[in-house]
Structure formats: structure tokens, C-alpha cells
Amino acid sequence: MKRVRCPKCDTYISFDESKYEPGQSLVFQCNECGKQFGIRIGVSKLRDTQKEENLKLQTSSLETEYGSIVVIENVFHFKQEIPLQMGDNVIGRYQKGNPINTPFETVDPSVDLNHCTLNVSRNKRGELIYTLSDNNSNTGTFVDNVELKPRERRRIEDGTLFTLGATSIILRATSNS
């Protein structure tokens, strides 16, 4: 079963997606407010485009294990896991042509195109350390429900939950040293 939200009153409407073919358009009428709206079953062109771009990035450099971020599905989109690289990982909303290196796909309007930076580096013992900073975003970057101040850099660890707008992200650090 899938759920869609009424764009007017945010009421959920459930339907069985297995009864429909990919590419088929459906029209719903909300029982609460009477609003009619349509959706299309299947994968968006945006998702294919991002996958093509990410494939080019992954094949151009050797796959290294520096951890990942897990973008949690809120009301806007599905769970995504995005690998991190050594150095600055600029995190933000995916848009074709956006030059950031760690985009995620969302329709959450409260996530900026260049929202925050997660820096991956090594300490003197060779252990990976993760440092998060906000990139002067419109809605702020929150770690454990506390907003990062301008120019503040906060060290985070495996399992740390941080929030960009209405989207929650979890750091998955590696045990590699």
C-alpha cells in the first residue's frame, strides 16, 4: 500500500500501487476537503538523471570507505544513503547542474541547494573525524535539536542525527582507521 498526501489539507489517502502500471496517471479526490489532484505511478526522470550523474562520479574515482549519510524519509521523500569522501562533503538539495558533491533528492523546500558541509579528515592517530558546519542556510542546520551558529564547526560521531529544514540525516561512520 502507498500513501499520498492531499496538497490542500495534508490528509493521507492510501491505495494499492500493485494494481497500476508504471507511467499510469491516477486522479484522487480528498474525502476531507474535496480537492482533486493527480499523480503518476513510476520512477521520476529526476531520479534517473541523478543516478546517471552519481554513476559518473563513482566510476571516475575509486570507491573509498569514509562513511555515509542516511537521509531519513520525512513527509517529503524516501530514505537515501549517500557515500562520503575525504575532505569537504557539501550537502544540499539535488538540482541538475548544482556543483555540490553530496546532493540528495528531495522536494523539501526548506533544504537549500548548498545547505551544510560535512568535513571528513583524519586525526594524528589516523582515525576518521567528522565535522559539520552550516553554509549560511535559510533554515539552519541542527544537531540534536540545537542550531549550529554561523561559522560554528561541530564534531559529530557515528549515529549522530542532524536536521536540515524538515529533513533528518544520520551519520554512518566507518570503523576503518
Protein backbone atom coordinates (compact mmCIF):
# COMPACT_ATOMS: atom_id res chain seq x y z
CA MET A 1 0.00 0.00 0.00
CA LYS A 2 1.16 3.51 -0.83
CA ARG A 3 0.03 6.76 0.74
CA VAL A 4 -0.27 10.15 -0.92
CA ARG A 5 -0.99 13.43 0.77
CA CYS A 6 -3.66 15.88 -0.24
CA PRO A 7 -1.83 19.06 -1.33
CA LYS A 8 -4.54 21.22 0.25
CA CYS A 9 -5.23 19.73 3.70
CA ASP A 10 -2.37 17.16 4.13
CA THR A 11 -4.77 14.24 4.68
CA TYR A 12 -3.33 10.85 3.71
CA ILE A 13 -5.03 8.76 1.03
CA SER A 14 -3.98 5.09 0.73
CA PHE A 15 -4.07 3.00 -2.45
CA ASP A 16 -2.68 -0.33 -3.72
CA GLU A 17 0.07 0.57 -6.22
CA SER A 18 0.35 -3.04 -7.44
CA LYS A 19 -2.93 -2.63 -9.36
CA TYR A 20 -1.39 0.01 -11.66
CA GLU A 21 1.31 0.06 -14.35
CA PRO A 22 4.39 2.34 -14.23
CA GLY A 23 3.69 5.60 -16.03
CA GLN A 24 -0.06 5.40 -15.39
CA SER A 25 -1.73 8.60 -14.13
CA LEU A 26 -4.16 8.48 -11.21
CA VAL A 27 -6.62 11.12 -10.03
CA PHE A 28 -7.64 11.31 -6.36
CA GLN A 29 -10.32 13.28 -4.57
CA CYS A 30 -9.71 14.06 -0.91
CA ASN A 31 -12.53 12.93 1.39
CA GLU A 32 -11.78 15.75 3.85
CA CYS A 33 -11.64 18.87 1.65
CA GLY A 34 -12.82 17.63 -1.77
CA LYS A 35 -9.61 18.68 -3.56
CA GLN A 36 -8.85 16.73 -6.76
CA PHE A 37 -5.21 16.05 -7.65
CA GLY A 38 -3.24 13.65 -9.81
CA ILE A 39 -0.08 11.59 -9.55
CA ARG A 40 1.88 9.41 -11.96
CA ILE A 41 2.98 5.89 -10.97
CA GLY A 42 6.64 5.04 -11.51
CA VAL A 43 10.15 6.44 -11.19
CA SER A 44 10.69 10.12 -11.85
CA LYS A 45 13.00 11.38 -14.60
CA LEU A 46 14.82 13.36 -11.90
CA ARG A 47 15.82 10.16 -10.10
CA ASP A 48 17.24 8.67 -13.34
CA THR A 49 19.22 11.83 -14.03
CA GLN A 50 20.74 11.88 -10.54
CA LYS A 51 21.63 8.19 -10.78
CA GLU A 52 23.42 8.82 -14.11
CA GLU A 53 25.39 11.73 -12.62
CA ASN A 54 26.30 9.75 -9.48
CA LEU A 55 27.42 6.79 -11.60
CA LYS A 56 29.81 9.10 -13.48
CA LEU A 57 31.22 10.39 -10.19
CA GLN A 58 31.66 6.90 -8.73
CA THR A 59 33.35 5.46 -11.82
CA SER A 60 35.72 8.41 -12.11
CA SER A 61 37.30 7.72 -8.71
CA LEU A 62 37.94 4.57 -6.72
CA GLU A 63 35.21 3.77 -4.23
CA THR A 64 36.59 4.60 -0.79
CA GLU A 65 35.04 3.95 2.58
CA TYR A 66 34.75 7.14 4.58
CA GLY A 67 31.25 6.56 5.86
CA SER A 68 27.90 7.75 4.56
CA ILE A 69 24.90 9.83 5.43
CA VAL A 70 21.42 8.33 5.60
CA VAL A 71 18.68 10.75 4.59
CA ILE A 72 15.57 9.72 6.50
CA GLU A 73 12.18 9.81 4.83
CA ASN A 74 10.10 12.54 6.36
CA VAL A 75 6.86 13.63 4.71
CA PHE A 76 8.77 14.59 1.58
CA HIS A 77 10.76 11.65 0.21
CA PHE A 78 12.28 8.19 0.57
CA LYS A 79 15.29 7.06 2.60
CA GLN A 80 18.59 7.52 0.73
CA GLU A 81 22.15 6.53 1.63
CA ILE A 82 24.92 8.69 0.19
CA PRO A 83 28.64 7.83 0.48
CA LEU A 84 31.07 10.40 1.86
CA GLN A 85 34.52 11.29 0.56
CA MET A 86 37.64 12.57 2.29
CA GLY A 87 37.59 16.36 2.68
CA ASP A 88 34.54 18.63 2.36
CA ASN A 89 31.21 16.98 1.56
CA VAL A 90 28.85 19.83 0.61
CA ILE A 91 25.33 18.60 1.38
CA GLY A 92 22.15 20.01 -0.14
CA ARG A 93 19.11 19.52 -2.31
CA TYR A 94 19.76 17.90 -5.70
CA GLN A 95 19.26 20.05 -8.78
CA LYS A 96 20.76 19.33 -12.18
CA GLY A 97 23.85 21.45 -12.65
CA ASN A 98 24.31 22.13 -8.93
CA PRO A 99 28.07 21.66 -8.35
CA ILE A 100 27.87 20.26 -4.79
CA ASN A 101 29.38 16.81 -4.23
CA THR A 102 26.85 15.28 -1.79
CA PRO A 103 23.35 16.05 -3.11
CA PHE A 104 20.23 14.20 -2.07
CA GLU A 105 16.91 14.10 -3.83
CA THR A 106 14.06 15.86 -2.02
CA VAL A 107 11.12 18.13 -2.60
CA ASP A 108 11.54 19.64 0.87
CA PRO A 109 11.63 23.39 0.13
CA SER A 110 13.38 24.09 3.45
CA VAL A 111 16.62 22.41 2.28
CA ASP A 112 18.99 24.76 0.45
CA LEU A 113 20.95 23.74 -2.63
CA ASN A 114 24.17 24.31 -0.61
CA HIS A 115 22.92 23.71 2.94
CA CYS A 116 25.86 22.49 5.04
CA THR A 117 29.33 20.93 4.87
CA LEU A 118 30.46 17.69 6.50
CA ASN A 119 34.25 17.52 6.57
CA VAL A 120 35.93 14.11 6.79
CA SER A 121 39.56 14.13 7.93
CA ARG A 122 42.00 12.10 10.00
CA ASN A 123 43.41 12.95 13.42
CA LYS A 124 47.04 12.34 14.48
CA ARG A 125 46.24 8.69 15.25
CA GLY A 126 44.80 8.19 11.76
CA GLU A 127 41.18 7.91 12.95
CA LEU A 128 38.43 9.48 10.86
CA ILE A 129 36.81 12.60 12.34
CA TYR A 130 33.64 14.24 11.08
CA THR A 131 33.00 17.99 11.44
CA LEU A 132 29.68 19.63 10.49
CA SER A 133 29.10 23.31 9.68
CA ASP A 134 26.18 25.29 8.28
CA ASN A 135 26.65 27.08 4.94
CA ASN A 136 24.58 30.16 5.86
CA SER A 137 21.39 28.25 5.01
CA ASN A 138 17.95 29.84 5.23
CA THR A 139 16.54 27.34 7.74
CA GLY A 140 19.66 26.35 9.67
CA THR A 141 21.41 23.10 10.48
CA PHE A 142 20.51 21.41 13.78
CA VAL A 143 22.50 18.78 15.69
CA ASP A 144 20.48 17.07 18.43
CA ASN A 145 17.86 19.85 18.09
CA VAL A 146 20.44 22.62 18.72
CA GLU A 147 21.09 25.01 15.82
CA LEU A 148 24.66 25.50 14.65
CA LYS A 149 25.69 29.14 14.97
CA PRO A 150 27.22 30.98 11.98
CA ARG A 151 30.81 29.79 11.39
CA GLU A 152 30.42 27.13 14.14
CA ARG A 153 32.00 23.76 13.42
CA ARG A 154 30.75 20.82 15.45
CA ARG A 155 32.39 17.41 15.62
CA ILE A 156 29.88 14.57 15.20
CA GLU A 157 30.16 10.80 15.54
CA ASP A 158 28.55 7.65 14.19
CA GLY A 159 24.79 7.72 14.72
CA THR A 160 24.54 11.49 15.19
CA LEU A 161 21.21 12.85 13.96
CA PHE A 162 21.30 16.25 12.27
CA THR A 163 18.46 18.13 10.61
CA LEU A 164 18.33 20.33 7.51
CA GLY A 165 14.96 22.08 7.29
CA ALA A 166 12.40 19.29 7.75
CA THR A 167 14.80 16.53 6.64
CA SER A 168 16.66 14.35 9.15
CA ILE A 169 20.06 12.82 8.38
CA ILE A 170 22.09 10.23 10.31
CA LEU A 171 25.88 9.93 10.05
CA ARG A 172 27.10 6.38 9.47
CA ALA A 173 30.83 6.44 10.21
CA THR A 174 33.08 3.56 9.24
CA SER A 175 35.20 1.55 11.62
CA ASN A 176 38.19 1.93 9.25
CA SER A 177 41.16 3.81 10.65
